[in-house]
Amino acid sequence: MASSLKNFIHSLDPKSLPRILQIQSGFYDEGSIYETFGHESCLSTGDVIKVVALKVKKLNASKCECEDHSLCSPTTVELPLNFPGLCRLVVDRTPYVNVEEILRKVCIGPTQLQHPCFYCSGDLEVENISINQGEKIIFSSVEDNNGTLTVSCRVQRNDQRHAFLLPISQKGDFYESEDNQIYSLKEVAEWKIPKSRCRHVVFTNICNKFPVDFDGCVVLSPIYEVQAVMKFQKEIVHFLSDLDVEVKDVTDCYNINSFLQPLSMEDILKRTSKDFPIVVAVIEGPSGNKQPYNLLCPGREIVIYKKHQAIRILASEIKSDFQKRHFLIPTSYKGKFKRKPREFPTAYDLEIARSGKEELHVIATKAFQFPHEEQCSVSIGDQFLVPRCQTSEVDQKRKKVENALACEQILSPNKTYKKVFLPMCMEGSFVEIVHDKKQYELLEVCKDFCMPCNVKVSIRDLSIQEDILAGIQSLQLEEEITDTYLLISNFSNPTEIWEVPVHRVNMAVQLLSKDAEDIVPFPVNNIVEEITEAQYCMIRRYEMQAKNPPPRPPKAPTIEESNTSFPTISAQNSLDTPRRIKVGRTLCF
């Protein structure tokens, strides 16, 4: 049965790829396929293609006219995936009849935010647990349990997680659960639109960004980019799923091995360790002429030795504007760093940043006046040492314990010290005074200081030709992440082995029937990788959610809090042995 390309791709299960299609009717420029903006815009009748991959390229948006979302406005606009609007999902009221249908149509991603949630209209008895009607079930991953496909699930009960396995044959009416998260359009397109369904959303920050008035529920329909292989050709062609073409699935009638067999990064990741090393020819590679990307140009034969996990330090340029650069620094980086001052907008930030290695020495750059004399006020230029944090009983009438930052104010000109308590809600501005002139290697910084840590490259990495970090005035080392890499080398001249990031390099390769020796005794090379703003946001959002600090307290005290006082201890009673610390008004930049 012939069908339109749009309907066929819209209902196609990506797990069933590759599929072989024959063009039944469409554009009639016989015998030619021409390319427009990198996409094939003409397919001739009778052409046979093998579809190898799909990805959402853009979205059609139309407005719902009825509350039950049954009618849509004839006005439809195309939205790119980088459209700046954010949206909430409208729950899908159409049930899934079993777990298998959910797996066919819904994406289960690797991160917690990409785990879909459902509830069943009836009670379920699974393993040693009973799932109540309407109870939220979180789908985590698909597993092979003794030859039977199952879904690893969990439910949350009284702050405890209960894990269990659901067989894909499990029947029942499963409905999508409410989702209160806010998503970008790209996130919705990649893993929140079920196959053969549309997605209803409500935009939260449209303003004037929409070309038409879409202030209510909006229906999003995906337009896919189809990646395919033409018979007897080595290149991968690209075209959009909305071409006016009719196709017929002839997979069962053709020898699929007569086509080129491209492998994506996901295909390589699915291979087990015993499958490596492998020799491949690059069909499509990333742009760039620097190592290791010049090894990945089309036609080059490379050896992939193995996949492995490697540690990177996520760093960002410190600038006042929004055009900040972001980097992933390997732990083998041989440059050296000097510490730079940090800025703290509130007293609560001082409490978070205090370290067990040394006292935090800061200078106030903004005045803050409390309404009562008993409470500690701050003037511009006041200096403080922050040794620790404690709570103090401040309201004798209510016996109420309030959080305060215990520190010592440095009094000039005698360099005496007065113990004070800065309210956590104090909205001030402090800059760190750095007395440390030592030059650190990257691993020393990560070991000796808490992140985020501000640094500057004082000695560039002399082992590389161009150190892109050396020209940056200030860097903030934010956190340590672990990512997946491939170890590769040139097949014909394997004198260097390079790490290639799997999730940030788009590449298609063809498996070659050539043997490769196991990993040769050459050192592994890696680079300081500059990443885009979108890649940075994805790393920050999904990789390190558990490390985010708790929310800040209110920036201003409440009426009840204004009656509390933070005690101070007079300077005469707090004189100690003179400290061996350099105190000054000059910041170390």
Foldseek 3Di string as FASTA:
>chain_A
DKDALLLCVLQDQLVPDFFKKFFQDADDPPPDWDDDPQATQDDHHGFIWTFGDKAFAWKKKWAQDDPVSPDTDPDIDIGGLVQPWKWFFDWDPAWDFFLLLCVRWADADQFPVLWFKKFFQQWDDFDPDIGHHPFIKTFHDWDQDVNFIWTWIWGADPNDIDIGIHGRRGGGTITTDGDPDMGGSNVCRGGVQTRPGWTKIATDDCPPSDPDDHHGIMIIDTKMWTWIFTQPDLAIHIHISPRRTMMDGPRVPDDPVSTFDKDWLVNQVPDDLVVDWFKWFFRDWDDDCDPPRVCRHGGFIKIWQGKDKFKWWWKWFDDPDDPIWIWTHGLPFDFKKDFAKDKDQFVLSVQVFADPPAWWKKFFQFWADAPDPQADTDDGGKIKTQHHWDWDQWDVVVSDIATWGWIWIQDPDVRFTWIWTHHLLAGTMIMTADPDPDIGRPVCCPVPGDPQTKIAGPGHRPVDPDGPRNVGPIMTRHDMFMAMWIWMARQVDRQAIETDGSVPITTMIGTDPDDDDHDDPHDYDYHTDIDDPVVVVVCVPGTPPVPDDDDGDHNDDDPVCSPTGIHIDDRVVRGDDDDPDDDDSDGDD
